Each structure stands twice: as C-alpha cells, then as structure tokens.
Amino acid sequence: MERLNTKLYLRNCYILKENERLRKKAQLLNQENQALLSELRQKQKLANSSATSNPNPSIPDLNTSPPTPKMAPPSAGQHPC
C-alpha cells in the first residue's frame, strides 16, 4: 500500500510540474498573440489612413464576416448540381 501511495505521489508531482510548465507556455503564447494582434491593428490603421485611392485595406479585418460569393445563374441546359 505504501509503495502504491509513493508511486501515486510521484506521478502527481510530475503532473503538477507539467501543468505549471504548460501554464507558463500558454502565458507566453498569449503574450505573443497579443503583441502580434496589436502590430496587425497598427499596420491596418496605417494602411487605412494612407490608402485614399484604394478603398480596400491591404490587411483584412478578421472580425468581419467574409464576403459571400455571387453565383452566376446556370446556363441553359446545365443543371446546378
């Protein structure tokens, strides 16, 4: 019984260490993501302010829905499927 408890205790310690390592990695990835998002927004603002002749921004707004494609009517004699 004591051997099993020791084994479980060591496994628990390993899981706790691994959890802490993954938590730190997640924090770093989140910080990197926030920095990249900030950089993207700054570039988008610059592109929007400098693109007076081009109404389409060079960096798309990822928060908007994608445009729906316009479908041409099917030609005579052709089935849509």
N, C-alpha and C. Protein backbone atom coordinates (compact mmCIF):
# COMPACT_ATOMS: atom_id res chain seq x y z
N MET A 1 0.82 -1.19 0.00
CA MET A 1 0.00 0.00 0.00
C MET A 1 0.87 1.26 0.00
N GLU A 2 1.91 1.24 0.82
CA GLU A 2 2.79 2.40 0.89
C GLU A 2 3.51 2.62 -0.44
N ARG A 3 3.87 1.54 -1.11
CA ARG A 3 4.54 1.63 -2.41
C ARG A 3 3.60 2.29 -3.43
N LEU A 4 2.33 1.91 -3.40
CA LEU A 4 1.35 2.49 -4.31
C LEU A 4 1.17 3.98 -4.03
N ASN A 5 1.10 4.34 -2.76
CA ASN A 5 0.98 5.75 -2.38
C ASN A 5 2.18 6.55 -2.87
N THR A 6 3.36 6.00 -2.72
CA THR A 6 4.57 6.69 -3.18
C THR A 6 4.54 6.87 -4.69
N LYS A 7 4.14 5.81 -5.37
CA LYS A 7 4.07 5.87 -6.83
C LYS A 7 3.05 6.93 -7.28
N LEU A 8 1.90 6.96 -6.66
CA LEU A 8 0.88 7.95 -6.99
C LEU A 8 1.33 9.36 -6.64
N TYR A 9 2.02 9.51 -5.52
CA TYR A 9 2.54 10.81 -5.12
C TYR A 9 3.53 11.34 -6.15
N LEU A 10 4.44 10.48 -6.61
CA LEU A 10 5.42 10.90 -7.61
C LEU A 10 4.75 11.25 -8.94
N ARG A 11 3.75 10.47 -9.31
CA ARG A 11 3.01 10.77 -10.54
C ARG A 11 2.30 12.12 -10.42
N ASN A 12 1.73 12.37 -9.25
CA ASN A 12 1.05 13.64 -9.00
C ASN A 12 2.03 14.81 -9.08
N CYS A 13 3.21 14.64 -8.52
CA CYS A 13 4.24 15.69 -8.59
C CYS A 13 4.62 15.97 -10.04
N TYR A 14 4.77 14.92 -10.82
CA TYR A 14 5.11 15.09 -12.23
C TYR A 14 4.00 15.84 -12.97
N ILE A 15 2.75 15.49 -12.70
CA ILE A 15 1.62 16.15 -13.36
C ILE A 15 1.57 17.63 -12.97
N LEU A 16 1.82 17.92 -11.71
CA LEU A 16 1.81 19.32 -11.26
C LEU A 16 2.91 20.13 -11.95
N LYS A 17 4.11 19.54 -12.08
CA LYS A 17 5.21 20.23 -12.76
C LYS A 17 4.88 20.46 -14.24
N GLU A 18 4.34 19.44 -14.86
CA GLU A 18 3.97 19.54 -16.28
C GLU A 18 2.87 20.59 -16.47
N ASN A 19 1.92 20.63 -15.57
CA ASN A 19 0.86 21.62 -15.62
C ASN A 19 1.42 23.03 -15.52
N GLU A 20 2.34 23.24 -14.61
CA GLU A 20 2.95 24.56 -14.45
C GLU A 20 3.75 24.95 -15.70
N ARG A 21 4.47 23.98 -16.28
CA ARG A 21 5.23 24.25 -17.50
C ARG A 21 4.28 24.65 -18.64
N LEU A 22 3.19 23.94 -18.77
CA LEU A 22 2.23 24.24 -19.83
C LEU A 22 1.53 25.58 -19.58
N ARG A 23 1.27 25.90 -18.33
CA ARG A 23 0.65 27.19 -18.00
C ARG A 23 1.58 28.34 -18.40
N LYS A 24 2.87 28.20 -18.11
CA LYS A 24 3.83 29.24 -18.49
C LYS A 24 3.92 29.37 -20.00
N LYS A 25 3.92 28.24 -20.69
CA LYS A 25 3.98 28.27 -22.15
C LYS A 25 2.74 28.95 -22.72
N ALA A 26 1.58 28.65 -22.15
CA ALA A 26 0.33 29.27 -22.60
C ALA A 26 0.37 30.78 -22.38
N GLN A 27 0.94 31.22 -21.26
CA GLN A 27 1.05 32.65 -20.99
C GLN A 27 1.95 33.32 -22.02
N LEU A 28 3.07 32.68 -22.34
CA LEU A 28 3.98 33.25 -23.34
C LEU A 28 3.32 33.32 -24.72
N LEU A 29 2.61 32.27 -25.09
CA LEU A 29 1.92 32.28 -26.37
C LEU A 29 0.83 33.34 -26.41
N ASN A 30 0.14 33.53 -25.31
CA ASN A 30 -0.89 34.56 -25.24
C ASN A 30 -0.27 35.95 -25.38
N GLN A 31 0.86 36.19 -24.71
CA GLN A 31 1.53 37.48 -24.83
C GLN A 31 1.99 37.73 -26.27
N GLU A 32 2.54 36.69 -26.88
CA GLU A 32 2.99 36.82 -28.27
C GLU A 32 1.80 37.10 -29.19
N ASN A 33 0.70 36.41 -28.94
CA ASN A 33 -0.50 36.62 -29.74
C ASN A 33 -1.01 38.06 -29.59
N GLN A 34 -1.02 38.58 -28.38
CA GLN A 34 -1.48 39.94 -28.15
C GLN A 34 -0.56 40.95 -28.83
N ALA A 35 0.74 40.71 -28.80
CA ALA A 35 1.69 41.62 -29.45
C ALA A 35 1.49 41.60 -30.97
N LEU A 36 1.31 40.41 -31.53
CA LEU A 36 1.10 40.30 -32.97
C LEU A 36 -0.22 40.94 -33.38
N LEU A 37 -1.25 40.77 -32.58
CA LEU A 37 -2.54 41.38 -32.87
C LEU A 37 -2.44 42.91 -32.82
N SER A 38 -1.72 43.41 -31.86
CA SER A 38 -1.51 44.86 -31.76
C SER A 38 -0.75 45.38 -32.99
N GLU A 39 0.28 44.66 -33.38
CA GLU A 39 1.06 45.03 -34.57
C GLU A 39 0.18 45.00 -35.82
N LEU A 40 -0.65 44.00 -35.94
CA LEU A 40 -1.55 43.89 -37.09
C LEU A 40 -2.52 45.06 -37.13
N ARG A 41 -3.06 45.42 -35.99
CA ARG A 41 -4.00 46.55 -35.93
C ARG A 41 -3.31 47.85 -36.29
N GLN A 42 -2.08 48.04 -35.84
CA GLN A 42 -1.34 49.26 -36.20
C GLN A 42 -1.10 49.32 -37.70
N LYS A 43 -0.70 48.20 -38.29
CA LYS A 43 -0.47 48.17 -39.73
C LYS A 43 -1.77 48.42 -40.49
N GLN A 44 -2.86 47.90 -39.97
CA GLN A 44 -4.15 48.09 -40.62
C GLN A 44 -4.55 49.57 -40.57
N LYS A 45 -4.32 50.21 -39.43
CA LYS A 45 -4.63 51.63 -39.32
C LYS A 45 -3.80 52.44 -40.30
N LEU A 46 -2.50 52.12 -40.40
CA LEU A 46 -1.64 52.83 -41.34
C LEU A 46 -2.10 52.60 -42.77
N ALA A 47 -2.47 51.38 -43.09
CA ALA A 47 -2.91 51.07 -44.44
C ALA A 47 -4.22 51.79 -44.75
N ASN A 48 -5.11 51.85 -43.78
CA ASN A 48 -6.39 52.53 -43.99
C ASN A 48 -6.21 54.04 -44.14
N SER A 49 -5.31 54.62 -43.39
CA SER A 49 -5.11 56.06 -43.45
C SER A 49 -4.33 56.49 -44.69
N SER A 50 -3.47 55.63 -45.21
CA SER A 50 -2.66 56.01 -46.37
C SER A 50 -3.27 55.55 -47.69
N ALA A 51 -4.29 54.73 -47.65
CA ALA A 51 -4.87 54.18 -48.88
C ALA A 51 -6.10 54.98 -49.27
N THR A 52 -5.91 56.21 -49.73
CA THR A 52 -7.06 57.03 -50.13
C THR A 52 -7.56 56.63 -51.51
N SER A 53 -6.68 56.19 -52.40
CA SER A 53 -7.11 55.78 -53.72
C SER A 53 -7.58 54.33 -53.75
N ASN A 54 -7.15 53.54 -52.80
CA ASN A 54 -7.54 52.14 -52.74
C ASN A 54 -8.44 51.93 -51.52
N PRO A 55 -9.77 51.77 -51.73
CA PRO A 55 -10.66 51.64 -50.58
C PRO A 55 -10.53 50.32 -49.85
N ASN A 56 -9.91 49.31 -50.47
CA ASN A 56 -9.74 48.02 -49.81
C ASN A 56 -8.46 48.01 -48.99
N PRO A 57 -8.53 47.72 -47.69
CA PRO A 57 -7.30 47.68 -46.89
C PRO A 57 -6.43 46.51 -47.30
N SER A 58 -5.13 46.69 -47.17
CA SER A 58 -4.21 45.62 -47.53
C SER A 58 -4.24 44.48 -46.51
N ILE A 59 -4.68 44.78 -45.29
CA ILE A 59 -4.82 43.75 -44.26
C ILE A 59 -6.30 43.63 -43.94
N PRO A 60 -6.90 42.47 -44.18
CA PRO A 60 -8.34 42.34 -43.96
C PRO A 60 -8.70 42.40 -42.48
N ASP A 61 -9.90 42.90 -42.21
CA ASP A 61 -10.40 42.92 -40.85
C ASP A 61 -10.89 41.53 -40.51
N LEU A 62 -10.22 40.86 -39.58
CA LEU A 62 -10.54 39.47 -39.25
C LEU A 62 -11.79 39.36 -38.39
N ASN A 63 -12.30 40.50 -37.92
CA ASN A 63 -13.50 40.47 -37.08
C ASN A 63 -14.78 40.51 -37.91
N THR A 64 -14.70 40.79 -39.20
CA THR A 64 -15.89 40.86 -40.04
C THR A 64 -16.12 39.52 -40.72
N SER A 65 -17.34 39.33 -41.18
CA SER A 65 -17.68 38.11 -41.90
C SER A 65 -17.08 38.17 -43.29
N PRO A 66 -16.68 37.03 -43.84
CA PRO A 66 -16.15 37.03 -45.20
C PRO A 66 -17.26 37.36 -46.18
N PRO A 67 -16.94 38.00 -47.30
CA PRO A 67 -17.98 38.32 -48.28
C PRO A 67 -18.54 37.05 -48.89
N THR A 68 -19.83 37.08 -49.18
CA THR A 68 -20.45 35.91 -49.80
C THR A 68 -20.24 35.99 -51.30
N PRO A 69 -19.80 34.88 -51.92
CA PRO A 69 -19.55 34.91 -53.36
C PRO A 69 -20.86 35.00 -54.11
N LYS A 70 -20.86 35.78 -55.20
CA LYS A 70 -22.04 35.91 -56.05
C LYS A 70 -22.01 34.78 -57.06
N MET A 71 -23.12 34.07 -57.14
CA MET A 71 -23.18 32.93 -58.06
C MET A 71 -23.84 33.38 -59.35
N ALA A 72 -23.26 33.00 -60.45
CA ALA A 72 -23.84 33.30 -61.76
C ALA A 72 -25.01 32.35 -61.99
N PRO A 73 -26.05 32.82 -62.71
CA PRO A 73 -27.16 31.92 -62.99
C PRO A 73 -26.71 30.79 -63.88
N PRO A 74 -27.27 29.60 -63.69
CA PRO A 74 -26.84 28.46 -64.53
C PRO A 74 -27.20 28.70 -65.98
N SER A 75 -26.32 28.25 -66.87
CA SER A 75 -26.55 28.38 -68.30
C SER A 75 -27.68 27.46 -68.71
N ALA A 76 -28.28 27.77 -69.85
CA ALA A 76 -29.39 26.96 -70.34
C ALA A 76 -28.90 25.55 -70.64
N GLY A 77 -29.65 24.56 -70.19
CA GLY A 77 -29.30 23.19 -70.44
C GLY A 77 -28.36 22.59 -69.42
N GLN A 78 -27.87 23.39 -68.49
CA GLN A 78 -26.97 22.87 -67.46
C GLN A 78 -27.71 22.82 -66.14
N HIS A 79 -27.46 21.78 -65.39
CA HIS A 79 -28.04 21.65 -64.07
C HIS A 79 -27.09 22.25 -63.04
N PRO A 80 -27.61 22.88 -61.98
CA PRO A 80 -26.72 23.48 -60.97
C PRO A 80 -25.93 22.47 -60.19
N CYS A 81 -26.31 21.21 -60.16
CA CYS A 81 -25.60 20.21 -59.35
C CYS A 81 -24.59 19.52 -60.13
